Amino acid sequence: MVFATNIHSIGLGSLATRDDPKLYNTDKEKTLLGPANEHYTKLGQECVQQRIAIDLYYALNSYKSIDLASIAVLPGLTGGDLNYLSPFDITKHGEKLHYLLFRALTRN
């Protein structure tokens, strides 16, 4: 289980914001919909070999771009879940987050 509130911007597998409105409705828009690099694909394949499932929980305080296209590979390959709550507000999303965690911790 990985919990995050921002884009992973430093270290191994760091990502940059790729959201560029100039690319919308052009042939280059499809580059925004795929992974930025192969790091997370390779990591996901290693996790599959070790029988590790990855659940990602992103609770953002604003509508920041976090490159979900790149990180969604991890739960996709490993059979985990990607949970995105934005903009996160504990009064609105607290019960949902509780349910998501309860479900993840009690399922077979």
PDB file of N, CA and C in Angstrom:
ATOM      1  N   MET A   1       0.847  -1.171   0.000  1.00  0.00           N
ATOM      2  CA  MET A   1       0.000   0.000   0.000  1.00  0.00           C
ATOM      3  C   MET A   1       0.893   1.234   0.000  1.00  0.00           C
ATOM      4  N   VAL A   2       0.606   2.108  -0.932  1.00  0.00           N
ATOM      5  CA  VAL A   2       1.356   3.358  -1.053  1.00  0.00           C
ATOM      6  C   VAL A   2       0.368   4.506  -0.912  1.00  0.00           C
ATOM      7  N   PHE A   3       0.684   5.440  -0.025  1.00  0.00           N
ATOM      8  CA  PHE A   3      -0.146   6.624   0.186  1.00  0.00           C
ATOM      9  C   PHE A   3       0.653   7.842  -0.248  1.00  0.00           C
ATOM     10  N   ALA A   4       0.050   8.718  -1.033  1.00  0.00           N
ATOM     11  CA  ALA A   4       0.768   9.897  -1.522  1.00  0.00           C
ATOM     12  C   ALA A   4      -0.186  11.081  -1.647  1.00  0.00           C
ATOM     13  N   THR A   5       0.413  12.268  -1.567  1.00  0.00           N
ATOM     14  CA  THR A   5      -0.363  13.497  -1.732  1.00  0.00           C
ATOM     15  C   THR A   5       0.188  14.378  -2.845  1.00  0.00           C
ATOM     16  N   ASN A   6       1.300  13.966  -3.455  1.00  0.00           N
ATOM     17  CA  ASN A   6       1.926  14.736  -4.531  1.00  0.00           C
ATOM     18  C   ASN A   6       2.512  13.799  -5.569  1.00  0.00           C
ATOM     19  N   ILE A   7       2.906  14.368  -6.698  1.00  0.00           N
ATOM     20  CA  ILE A   7       3.598  13.619  -7.730  1.00  0.00           C
ATOM     21  C   ILE A   7       4.983  13.216  -7.222  1.00  0.00           C
ATOM     22  N   HIS A   8       5.437  12.057  -7.615  1.00  0.00           N
ATOM     23  CA  HIS A   8       6.766  11.569  -7.242  1.00  0.00           C
ATOM     24  C   HIS A   8       7.783  12.313  -8.112  1.00  0.00           C
ATOM     25  N   SER A   9       8.418  13.338  -7.562  1.00  0.00           N
ATOM     26  CA  SER A   9       9.228  14.232  -8.388  1.00  0.00           C
ATOM     27  C   SER A   9      10.728  14.174  -8.147  1.00  0.00           C
ATOM     28  N   ILE A  10      11.197  13.337  -7.218  1.00  0.00           N
ATOM     29  CA  ILE A  10      12.641  13.221  -6.988  1.00  0.00           C
ATOM     30  C   ILE A  10      13.018  11.751  -6.871  1.00  0.00           C
ATOM     31  N   GLY A  11      14.281  11.461  -7.139  1.00  0.00           N
ATOM     32  CA  GLY A  11      14.781  10.106  -6.979  1.00  0.00           C
ATOM     33  C   GLY A  11      14.449   9.192  -8.137  1.00  0.00           C
ATOM     34  N   LEU A  12      14.635   7.905  -7.888  1.00  0.00           N
ATOM     35  CA  LEU A  12      14.405   6.869  -8.890  1.00  0.00           C
ATOM     36  C   LEU A  12      12.929   6.851  -9.307  1.00  0.00           C
ATOM     37  N   GLY A  13      12.668   6.897 -10.588  1.00  0.00           N
ATOM     38  CA  GLY A  13      11.304   6.875 -11.096  1.00  0.00           C
ATOM     39  C   GLY A  13      10.579   8.201 -10.974  1.00  0.00           C
ATOM     40  N   SER A  14      11.331   9.282 -10.814  1.00  0.00           N
ATOM     41  CA  SER A  14      10.683  10.584 -10.659  1.00  0.00           C
ATOM     42  C   SER A  14       9.898  10.948 -11.920  1.00  0.00           C
ATOM     43  N   LEU A  15       8.837  11.693 -11.703  1.00  0.00           N
ATOM     44  CA  LEU A  15       7.946  12.095 -12.784  1.00  0.00           C
ATOM     45  C   LEU A  15       7.801  13.610 -12.794  1.00  0.00           C
ATOM     46  N   ALA A  16       7.461  14.130 -13.926  1.00  0.00           N
ATOM     47  CA  ALA A  16       7.182  15.563 -14.062  1.00  0.00           C
ATOM     48  C   ALA A  16       5.745  15.716 -14.546  1.00  0.00           C
ATOM     49  N   THR A  17       5.173  16.848 -14.275  1.00  0.00           N
ATOM     50  CA  THR A  17       3.827  17.129 -14.755  1.00  0.00           C
ATOM     51  C   THR A  17       3.851  17.203 -16.279  1.00  0.00           C
ATOM     52  N   ARG A  18       3.017  16.386 -16.916  1.00  0.00           N
ATOM     53  CA  ARG A  18       3.006  16.342 -18.381  1.00  0.00           C
ATOM     54  C   ARG A  18       1.775  16.985 -18.980  1.00  0.00           C
ATOM     55  N   ASP A  19       0.861  17.421 -18.169  1.00  0.00           N
ATOM     56  CA  ASP A  19      -0.387  17.988 -18.664  1.00  0.00           C
ATOM     57  C   ASP A  19      -0.104  19.271 -19.438  1.00  0.00           C
ATOM     58  N   ASP A  20      -0.361  19.231 -20.727  1.00  0.00           N
ATOM     59  CA  ASP A  20      -0.099  20.381 -21.591  1.00  0.00           C
ATOM     60  C   ASP A  20      -1.339  20.642 -22.443  1.00  0.00           C
ATOM     61  N   PRO A  21      -2.119  21.650 -22.097  1.00  0.00           N
ATOM     62  CA  PRO A  21      -3.352  21.936 -22.851  1.00  0.00           C
ATOM     63  C   PRO A  21      -3.122  22.198 -24.334  1.00  0.00           C
ATOM     64  N   LYS A  22      -1.903  22.574 -24.716  1.00  0.00           N
ATOM     65  CA  LYS A  22      -1.614  22.812 -26.135  1.00  0.00           C
ATOM     66  C   LYS A  22      -1.706  21.525 -26.958  1.00  0.00           C
ATOM     67  N   LEU A  23      -1.564  20.372 -26.286  1.00  0.00           N
ATOM     68  CA  LEU A  23      -1.610  19.094 -26.994  1.00  0.00           C
ATOM     69  C   LEU A  23      -3.025  18.540 -27.152  1.00  0.00           C
ATOM     70  N   TYR A  24      -3.980  19.114 -26.456  1.00  0.00           N
ATOM     71  CA  TYR A  24      -5.354  18.633 -26.544  1.00  0.00           C
ATOM     72  C   TYR A  24      -5.875  18.785 -27.977  1.00  0.00           C
ATOM     73  N   ASN A  25      -6.600  17.781 -28.434  1.00  0.00           N
ATOM     74  CA  ASN A  25      -7.205  17.747 -29.771  1.00  0.00           C
ATOM     75  C   ASN A  25      -6.169  17.812 -30.889  1.00  0.00           C
ATOM     76  N   THR A  26      -4.981  17.278 -30.623  1.00  0.00           N
ATOM     77  CA  THR A  26      -3.949  17.144 -31.654  1.00  0.00           C
ATOM     78  C   THR A  26      -3.519  15.685 -31.701  1.00  0.00           C
ATOM     79  N   ASP A  27      -2.681  15.346 -32.672  1.00  0.00           N
ATOM     80  CA  ASP A  27      -2.157  13.982 -32.768  1.00  0.00           C
ATOM     81  C   ASP A  27      -1.245  13.635 -31.601  1.00  0.00           C
ATOM     82  N   LYS A  28      -0.659  14.625 -30.962  1.00  0.00           N
ATOM     83  CA  LYS A  28       0.268  14.389 -29.858  1.00  0.00           C
ATOM     84  C   LYS A  28      -0.435  14.193 -28.516  1.00  0.00           C
ATOM     85  N   GLU A  29      -1.755  14.353 -28.484  1.00  0.00           N
ATOM     86  CA  GLU A  29      -2.497  14.172 -27.233  1.00  0.00           C
ATOM     87  C   GLU A  29      -2.343  12.754 -26.702  1.00  0.00           C
ATOM     88  N   LYS A  30      -2.199  11.775 -27.582  1.00  0.00           N
ATOM     89  CA  LYS A  30      -2.084  10.385 -27.136  1.00  0.00           C
ATOM     90  C   LYS A  30      -0.818  10.135 -26.319  1.00  0.00           C
ATOM     91  N   THR A  31       0.196  11.006 -26.433  1.00  0.00           N
ATOM     92  CA  THR A  31       1.402  10.840 -25.617  1.00  0.00           C
ATOM     93  C   THR A  31       1.101  11.099 -24.138  1.00  0.00           C
ATOM     94  N   LEU A  32       0.051  11.852 -23.851  1.00  0.00           N
ATOM     95  CA  LEU A  32      -0.323  12.120 -22.464  1.00  0.00           C
ATOM     96  C   LEU A  32      -1.023  10.928 -21.817  1.00  0.00           C
ATOM     97  N   LEU A  33      -1.520  10.016 -22.628  1.00  0.00           N
ATOM     98  CA  LEU A  33      -2.330   8.907 -22.124  1.00  0.00           C
ATOM     99  C   LEU A  33      -1.529   7.633 -21.864  1.00  0.00           C
ATOM    100  N   GLY A  34      -0.240   7.644 -22.142  1.00  0.00           N
ATOM    101  CA  GLY A  34       0.607   6.486 -21.897  1.00  0.00           C
ATOM    102  C   GLY A  34       1.672   6.802 -20.872  1.00  0.00           C
ATOM    103  N   PRO A  35       2.375   5.777 -20.385  1.00  0.00           N
ATOM    104  CA  PRO A  35       3.438   6.006 -19.400  1.00  0.00           C
ATOM    105  C   PRO A  35       4.549   6.894 -19.954  1.00  0.00           C
ATOM    106  N   ALA A  36       5.110   7.728 -19.083  1.00  0.00           N
ATOM    107  CA  ALA A  36       6.182   8.642 -19.481  1.00  0.00           C
ATOM    108  C   ALA A  36       7.496   7.899 -19.692  1.00  0.00           C
ATOM    109  N   ASN A  37       7.699   6.809 -18.923  1.00  0.00           N
ATOM    110  CA  ASN A  37       8.918   6.016 -19.058  1.00  0.00           C
ATOM    111  C   ASN A  37       8.612   4.575 -18.675  1.00  0.00           C
ATOM    112  N   GLU A  38       9.600   3.716 -18.774  1.00  0.00           N
ATOM    113  CA  GLU A  38       9.405   2.288 -18.518  1.00  0.00           C
ATOM    114  C   GLU A  38       9.690   1.878 -17.074  1.00  0.00           C
ATOM    115  N   HIS A  39      10.057   2.817 -16.223  1.00  0.00           N
ATOM    116  CA  HIS A  39      10.439   2.474 -14.845  1.00  0.00           C
ATOM    117  C   HIS A  39       9.322   1.729 -14.112  1.00  0.00           C
ATOM    118  N   TYR A  40       8.112   2.258 -14.164  1.00  0.00           N
ATOM    119  CA  TYR A  40       7.018   1.644 -13.413  1.00  0.00           C
ATOM    120  C   TYR A  40       6.552   0.332 -14.034  1.00  0.00           C
ATOM    121  N   THR A  41       6.723   0.176 -15.325  1.00  0.00           N
ATOM    122  CA  THR A  41       6.414  -1.105 -15.965  1.00  0.00           C
ATOM    123  C   THR A  41       7.380  -2.179 -15.493  1.00  0.00           C
ATOM    124  N   LYS A  42       8.662  -1.857 -15.466  1.00  0.00           N
ATOM    125  CA  LYS A  42       9.670  -2.817 -14.987  1.00  0.00           C
ATOM    126  C   LYS A  42       9.469  -3.143 -13.515  1.00  0.00           C
ATOM    127  N   LEU A  43       9.174  -2.139 -12.705  1.00  0.00           N
ATOM    128  CA  LEU A  43       8.919  -2.360 -11.287  1.00  0.00           C
ATOM    129  C   LEU A  43       7.698  -3.254 -11.097  1.00  0.00           C
ATOM    130  N   GLY A  44       6.663  -3.018 -11.871  1.00  0.00           N
ATOM    131  CA  GLY A  44       5.469  -3.851 -11.797  1.00  0.00           C
ATOM    132  C   GLY A  44       5.750  -5.293 -12.180  1.00  0.00           C
ATOM    133  N   GLN A  45       6.566  -5.505 -13.195  1.00  0.00           N
ATOM    134  CA  GLN A  45       6.921  -6.863 -13.611  1.00  0.00           C
ATOM    135  C   GLN A  45       7.730  -7.571 -12.532  1.00  0.00           C
ATOM    136  N   GLU A  46       8.628  -6.844 -11.863  1.00  0.00           N
ATOM    137  CA  GLU A  46       9.391  -7.431 -10.757  1.00  0.00           C
ATOM    138  C   GLU A  46       8.468  -7.811  -9.607  1.00  0.00           C
ATOM    139  N   CYS A  47       7.488  -6.974  -9.321  1.00  0.00           N
ATOM    140  CA  CYS A  47       6.533  -7.266  -8.254  1.00  0.00           C
ATOM    141  C   CYS A  47       5.696  -8.495  -8.593  1.00  0.00           C
ATOM    142  N   VAL A  48       5.307  -8.639  -9.848  1.00  0.00           N
ATOM    143  CA  VAL A  48       4.540  -9.809 -10.272  1.00  0.00           C
ATOM    144  C   VAL A  48       5.363 -11.075 -10.050  1.00  0.00           C
ATOM    145  N   GLN A  49       6.630 -11.041 -10.379  1.00  0.00           N
ATOM    146  CA  GLN A  49       7.494 -12.211 -10.179  1.00  0.00           C
ATOM    147  C   GLN A  49       7.603 -12.590  -8.702  1.00  0.00           C
ATOM    148  N   GLN A  50       7.529 -11.592  -7.816  1.00  0.00           N
ATOM    149  CA  GLN A  50       7.618 -11.844  -6.376  1.00  0.00           C
ATOM    150  C   GLN A  50       6.244 -12.001  -5.721  1.00  0.00           C
ATOM    151  N   ARG A  51       5.185 -11.980  -6.543  1.00  0.00           N
ATOM    152  CA  ARG A  51       3.797 -12.101  -6.072  1.00  0.00           C
ATOM    153  C   ARG A  51       3.417 -10.984  -5.094  1.00  0.00           C
ATOM    154  N   ILE A  52       3.731  -9.770  -5.484  1.00  0.00           N
ATOM    155  CA  ILE A  52       3.415  -8.585  -4.696  1.00  0.00           C
ATOM    156  C   ILE A  52       2.367  -7.767  -5.442  1.00  0.00           C
ATOM    157  N   ALA A  53       1.286  -7.427  -4.766  1.00  0.00           N
ATOM    158  CA  ALA A  53       0.256  -6.563  -5.338  1.00  0.00           C
ATOM    159  C   ALA A  53       0.430  -5.166  -4.750  1.00  0.00           C
ATOM    160  N   ILE A  54       0.235  -4.151  -5.566  1.00  0.00           N
ATOM    161  CA  ILE A  54       0.422  -2.775  -5.133  1.00  0.00           C
ATOM    162  C   ILE A  54      -0.904  -2.033  -5.210  1.00  0.00           C
ATOM    163  N   ASP A  55      -1.286  -1.444  -4.078  1.00  0.00           N
ATOM    164  CA  ASP A  55      -2.444  -0.555  -4.007  1.00  0.00           C
ATOM    165  C   ASP A  55      -1.927   0.861  -3.840  1.00  0.00           C
ATOM    166  N   LEU A  56      -2.416   1.774  -4.671  1.00  0.00           N
ATOM    167  CA  LEU A  56      -2.010   3.177  -4.588  1.00  0.00           C
ATOM    168  C   LEU A  56      -3.186   4.015  -4.105  1.00  0.00           C
ATOM    169  N   TYR A  57      -2.917   4.896  -3.161  1.00  0.00           N
ATOM    170  CA  TYR A  57      -3.914   5.818  -2.623  1.00  0.00           C
ATOM    171  C   TYR A  57      -3.378   7.226  -2.786  1.00  0.00           C
ATOM    172  N   TYR A  58      -4.010   8.000  -3.660  1.00  0.00           N
ATOM    173  CA  TYR A  58      -3.615   9.395  -3.878  1.00  0.00           C
ATOM    174  C   TYR A  58      -4.708  10.302  -3.331  1.00  0.00           C
ATOM    175  N   ALA A  59      -4.347  11.093  -2.320  1.00  0.00           N
ATOM    176  CA  ALA A  59      -5.259  12.050  -1.703  1.00  0.00           C
ATOM    177  C   ALA A  59      -4.648  13.432  -1.879  1.00  0.00           C
ATOM    178  N   LEU A  60      -5.047  14.117  -2.929  1.00  0.00           N
ATOM    179  CA  LEU A  60      -4.463  15.413  -3.269  1.00  0.00           C
ATOM    180  C   LEU A  60      -5.278  16.548  -2.678  1.00  0.00           C
ATOM    181  N   ASN A  61      -4.595  17.602  -2.280  1.00  0.00           N
ATOM    182  CA  ASN A  61      -5.269  18.769  -1.722  1.00  0.00           C
ATOM    183  C   ASN A  61      -5.818  19.699  -2.790  1.00  0.00           C
ATOM    184  N   SER A  62      -5.422  19.486  -4.035  1.00  0.00           N
ATOM    185  CA  SER A  62      -5.886  20.335  -5.129  1.00  0.00           C
ATOM    186  C   SER A  62      -6.010  19.483  -6.388  1.00  0.00           C
ATOM    187  N   TYR A  63      -6.297  20.117  -7.494  1.00  0.00           N
ATOM    188  CA  TYR A  63      -6.422  19.402  -8.769  1.00  0.00           C
ATOM    189  C   TYR A  63      -5.094  19.363  -9.505  1.00  0.00           C
ATOM    190  N   LYS A  64      -4.013  19.061  -8.822  1.00  0.00           N
ATOM    191  CA  LYS A  64      -2.700  18.987  -9.464  1.00  0.00           C
ATOM    192  C   LYS A  64      -2.623  17.773 -10.382  1.00  0.00           C
ATOM    193  N   SER A  65      -1.821  17.887 -11.418  1.00  0.00           N
ATOM    194  CA  SER A  65      -1.573  16.757 -12.299  1.00  0.00           C
ATOM    195  C   SER A  65      -0.494  15.879 -11.676  1.00  0.00           C
ATOM    196  N   ILE A  66      -0.738  14.572 -11.582  1.00  0.00           N
ATOM    197  CA  ILE A  66       0.247  13.676 -10.976  1.00  0.00           C
ATOM    198  C   ILE A  66       0.681  12.549 -11.907  1.00  0.00           C
ATOM    199  N   ASP A  67       0.351  12.617 -13.179  1.00  0.00           N
ATOM    200  CA  ASP A  67       0.740  11.618 -14.167  1.00  0.00           C
ATOM    201  C   ASP A  67       0.232  10.217 -13.819  1.00  0.00           C
ATOM    202  N   LEU A  68      -1.062  10.097 -13.686  1.00  0.00           N
ATOM    203  CA  LEU A  68      -1.674   8.801 -13.405  1.00  0.00           C
ATOM    204  C   LEU A  68      -1.387   7.774 -14.490  1.00  0.00           C
ATOM    205  N   ALA A  69      -1.179   8.214 -15.710  1.00  0.00           N
ATOM    206  CA  ALA A  69      -0.910   7.290 -16.808  1.00  0.00           C
ATOM    207  C   ALA A  69       0.362   6.488 -16.557  1.00  0.00           C
ATOM    208  N   SER A  70       1.343   7.093 -15.930  1.00  0.00           N
ATOM    209  CA  SER A  70       2.605   6.395 -15.654  1.00  0.00           C
ATOM    210  C   SER A  70       2.505   5.477 -14.442  1.00  0.00           C
ATOM    211  N   ILE A  71       1.873   5.940 -13.375  1.00  0.00           N
ATOM    212  CA  ILE A  71       1.851   5.139 -12.155  1.00  0.00           C
ATOM    213  C   ILE A  71       0.741   4.095 -12.132  1.00  0.00           C
ATOM    214  N   ALA A  72      -0.270   4.237 -12.987  1.00  0.00           N
ATOM    215  CA  ALA A  72      -1.365   3.264 -13.021  1.00  0.00           C
ATOM    216  C   ALA A  72      -0.899   1.901 -13.510  1.00  0.00           C
ATOM    217  N   VAL A  73       0.278   1.842 -14.098  1.00  0.00           N
ATOM    218  CA  VAL A  73       0.840   0.573 -14.557  1.00  0.00           C
ATOM    219  C   VAL A  73       1.059  -0.372 -13.377  1.00  0.00           C
ATOM    220  N   LEU A  74       1.485   0.163 -12.229  1.00  0.00           N
ATOM    221  CA  LEU A  74       1.782  -0.684 -11.069  1.00  0.00           C
ATOM    222  C   LEU A  74       0.578  -1.491 -10.592  1.00  0.00           C
ATOM    223  N   PRO A  75      -0.521  -0.867 -10.218  1.00  0.00           N
ATOM    224  CA  PRO A  75      -1.657  -1.688  -9.803  1.00  0.00           C
ATOM    225  C   PRO A  75      -2.257  -2.485 -10.962  1.00  0.00           C
ATOM    226  N   GLY A  76      -2.119  -1.967 -12.171  1.00  0.00           N
ATOM    227  CA  GLY A  76      -2.643  -2.688 -13.330  1.00  0.00           C
ATOM    228  C   GLY A  76      -1.953  -4.023 -13.554  1.00  0.00           C
ATOM    229  N   LEU A  77      -0.644  -4.048 -13.420  1.00  0.00           N
ATOM    230  CA  LEU A  77       0.116  -5.279 -13.625  1.00  0.00           C
ATOM    231  C   LEU A  77       0.025  -6.233 -12.440  1.00  0.00           C
ATOM    232  N   THR A  78      -0.043  -5.680 -11.234  1.00  0.00           N
ATOM    233  CA  THR A  78       0.052  -6.512 -10.034  1.00  0.00           C
ATOM    234  C   THR A  78      -1.292  -6.937  -9.459  1.00  0.00           C
ATOM    235  N   GLY A  79      -2.383  -6.445 -10.023  1.00  0.00           N
ATOM    236  CA  GLY A  79      -3.701  -6.804  -9.515  1.00  0.00           C
ATOM    237  C   GLY A  79      -4.135  -5.965  -8.336  1.00  0.00           C
ATOM    238  N   GLY A  80      -3.484  -4.834  -8.138  1.00  0.00           N
ATOM    239  CA  GLY A  80      -3.857  -3.934  -7.055  1.00  0.00           C
ATOM    240  C   GLY A  80      -4.894  -2.926  -7.498  1.00  0.00           C
ATOM    241  N   ASP A  81      -5.100  -1.917  -6.663  1.00  0.00           N
ATOM    242  CA  ASP A  81      -6.090  -0.884  -6.945  1.00  0.00           C
ATOM    243  C   ASP A  81      -5.436   0.487  -6.964  1.00  0.00           C
ATOM    244  N   LEU A  82      -5.988   1.372  -7.767  1.00  0.00           N
ATOM    245  CA  LEU A  82      -5.588   2.774  -7.793  1.00  0.00           C
ATOM    246  C   LEU A  82      -6.767   3.586  -7.288  1.00  0.00           C
ATOM    247  N   ASN A  83      -6.567   4.308  -6.196  1.00  0.00           N
ATOM    248  CA  ASN A  83      -7.621   5.119  -5.594  1.00  0.00           C
ATOM    249  C   ASN A  83      -7.171   6.569  -5.618  1.00  0.00           C
ATOM    250  N   TYR A  84      -7.987   7.414  -6.245  1.00  0.00           N
ATOM    251  CA  TYR A  84      -7.645   8.820  -6.466  1.00  0.00           C
ATOM    252  C   TYR A  84      -8.737   9.689  -5.861  1.00  0.00           C
ATOM    253  N   LEU A  85      -8.378  10.460  -4.836  1.00  0.00           N
ATOM    254  CA  LEU A  85      -9.327  11.336  -4.154  1.00  0.00           C
ATOM    255  C   LEU A  85      -8.820  12.766  -4.265  1.00  0.00           C
ATOM    256  N   SER A  86      -9.474  13.567  -5.096  1.00  0.00           N
ATOM    257  CA  SER A  86      -8.981  14.925  -5.307  1.00  0.00           C
ATOM    258  C   SER A  86     -10.142  15.864  -5.578  1.00  0.00           C
ATOM    259  N   PRO A  87     -10.163  17.036  -5.018  1.00  0.00           N
ATOM    260  CA  PRO A  87      -9.310  17.511  -3.926  1.00  0.00           C
ATOM    261  C   PRO A  87      -9.753  16.848  -2.622  1.00  0.00           C
ATOM    262  N   PHE A  88      -8.819  16.308  -1.902  1.00  0.00           N
ATOM    263  CA  PHE A  88      -9.121  15.536  -0.700  1.00  0.00           C
ATOM    264  C   PHE A  88      -9.588  16.448   0.427  1.00  0.00           C
ATOM    265  N   ASP A  89     -10.708  16.069   1.009  1.00  0.00           N
ATOM    266  CA  ASP A  89     -11.258  16.761   2.174  1.00  0.00           C
ATOM    267  C   ASP A  89     -11.722  15.674   3.130  1.00  0.00           C
ATOM    268  N   ILE A  90     -11.154  15.635   4.321  1.00  0.00           N
ATOM    269  CA  ILE A  90     -11.461  14.562   5.264  1.00  0.00           C
ATOM    270  C   ILE A  90     -12.947  14.497   5.597  1.00  0.00           C
ATOM    271  N   THR A  91     -13.635  15.634   5.601  1.00  0.00           N
ATOM    272  CA  THR A  91     -15.061  15.600   5.913  1.00  0.00           C
ATOM    273  C   THR A  91     -15.874  14.983   4.779  1.00  0.00           C
ATOM    274  N   LYS A  92     -15.413  15.128   3.544  1.00  0.00           N
ATOM    275  CA  LYS A  92     -16.117  14.551   2.401  1.00  0.00           C
ATOM    276  C   LYS A  92     -15.640  13.135   2.085  1.00  0.00           C
ATOM    277  N   HIS A  93     -14.342  12.893   2.186  1.00  0.00           N
ATOM    278  CA  HIS A  93     -13.768  11.634   1.737  1.00  0.00           C
ATOM    279  C   HIS A  93     -13.346  10.688   2.858  1.00  0.00           C
ATOM    280  N   GLY A  94     -13.496  11.102   4.103  1.00  0.00           N
ATOM    281  CA  GLY A  94     -13.054  10.275   5.221  1.00  0.00           C
ATOM    282  C   GLY A  94     -13.705   8.906   5.249  1.00  0.00           C
ATOM    283  N   GLU A  95     -15.022   8.869   5.088  1.00  0.00           N
ATOM    284  CA  GLU A  95     -15.738   7.597   5.120  1.00  0.00           C
ATOM    285  C   GLU A  95     -15.363   6.717   3.926  1.00  0.00           C
ATOM    286  N   LYS A  96     -15.202   7.331   2.764  1.00  0.00           N
ATOM    287  CA  LYS A  96     -14.811   6.561   1.576  1.00  0.00           C
ATOM    288  C   LYS A  96     -13.417   5.978   1.755  1.00  0.00           C
ATOM    289  N   LEU A  97     -12.482   6.769   2.266  1.00  0.00           N
ATOM    290  CA  LEU A  97     -11.127   6.271   2.499  1.00  0.00           C
ATOM    291  C   LEU A  97     -11.143   5.137   3.511  1.00  0.00           C
ATOM    292  N   HIS A  98     -11.935   5.280   4.552  1.00  0.00           N
ATOM    293  CA  HIS A  98     -12.074   4.214   5.545  1.00  0.00           C
ATOM    294  C   HIS A  98     -12.579   2.932   4.889  1.00  0.00           C
ATOM    295  N   TYR A  99     -13.600   3.049   4.049  1.00  0.00           N
ATOM    296  CA  TYR A  99     -14.144   1.884   3.356  1.00  0.00           C
ATOM    297  C   TYR A  99     -13.102   1.247   2.439  1.00  0.00           C
ATOM    298  N   LEU A 100     -12.372   2.071   1.681  1.00  0.00           N
ATOM    299  CA  LEU A 100     -11.355   1.543   0.771  1.00  0.00           C
ATOM    300  C   LEU A 100     -10.279   0.770   1.524  1.00  0.00           C
ATOM    301  N   LEU A 101      -9.823   1.332   2.638  1.00  0.00           N
ATOM    302  CA  LEU A 101      -8.799   0.653   3.444  1.00  0.00           C
ATOM    303  C   LEU A 101      -9.355  -0.616   4.081  1.00  0.00           C
ATOM    304  N   PHE A 102     -10.566  -0.543   4.607  1.00  0.00           N
ATOM    305  CA  PHE A 102     -11.185  -1.726   5.209  1.00  0.00           C
ATOM    306  C   PHE A 102     -11.305  -2.846   4.188  1.00  0.00           C
ATOM    307  N   ARG A 103     -11.766  -2.492   2.996  1.00  0.00           N
ATOM    308  CA  ARG A 103     -11.920  -3.497   1.939  1.00  0.00           C
ATOM    309  C   ARG A 103     -10.584  -4.118   1.560  1.00  0.00           C
ATOM    310  N   ALA A 104      -9.546  -3.280   1.420  1.00  0.00           N
ATOM    311  CA  ALA A 104      -8.228  -3.785   1.035  1.00  0.00           C
ATOM    312  C   ALA A 104      -7.630  -4.696   2.099  1.00  0.00           C
ATOM    313  N   LEU A 105      -7.875  -4.379   3.361  1.00  0.00           N
ATOM    314  CA  LEU A 105      -7.276  -5.150   4.449  1.00  0.00           C
ATOM    315  C   LEU A 105      -8.054  -6.405   4.798  1.00  0.00           C
ATOM    316  N   THR A 106      -9.305  -6.523   4.381  1.00  0.00           N
ATOM    317  CA  THR A 106     -10.107  -7.681   4.758  1.00  0.00           C
ATOM    318  C   THR A 106     -10.431  -8.631   3.607  1.00  0.00           C
ATOM    319  N   ARG A 107     -10.078  -8.285   2.397  1.00  0.00           N
ATOM    320  CA  ARG A 107     -10.399  -9.181   1.266  1.00  0.00           C
ATOM    321  C   ARG A 107      -9.412 -10.348   1.212  1.00  0.00           C
ATOM    322  N   ASN A 108      -9.831 -11.389   0.525  1.00  0.00           N
ATOM    323  CA  ASN A 108      -8.957 -12.580   0.377  1.00  0.00           C
ATOM    324  C   ASN A 108      -7.815 -12.282  -0.536  1.00  0.00           C
TER     325      ASN A 108
END
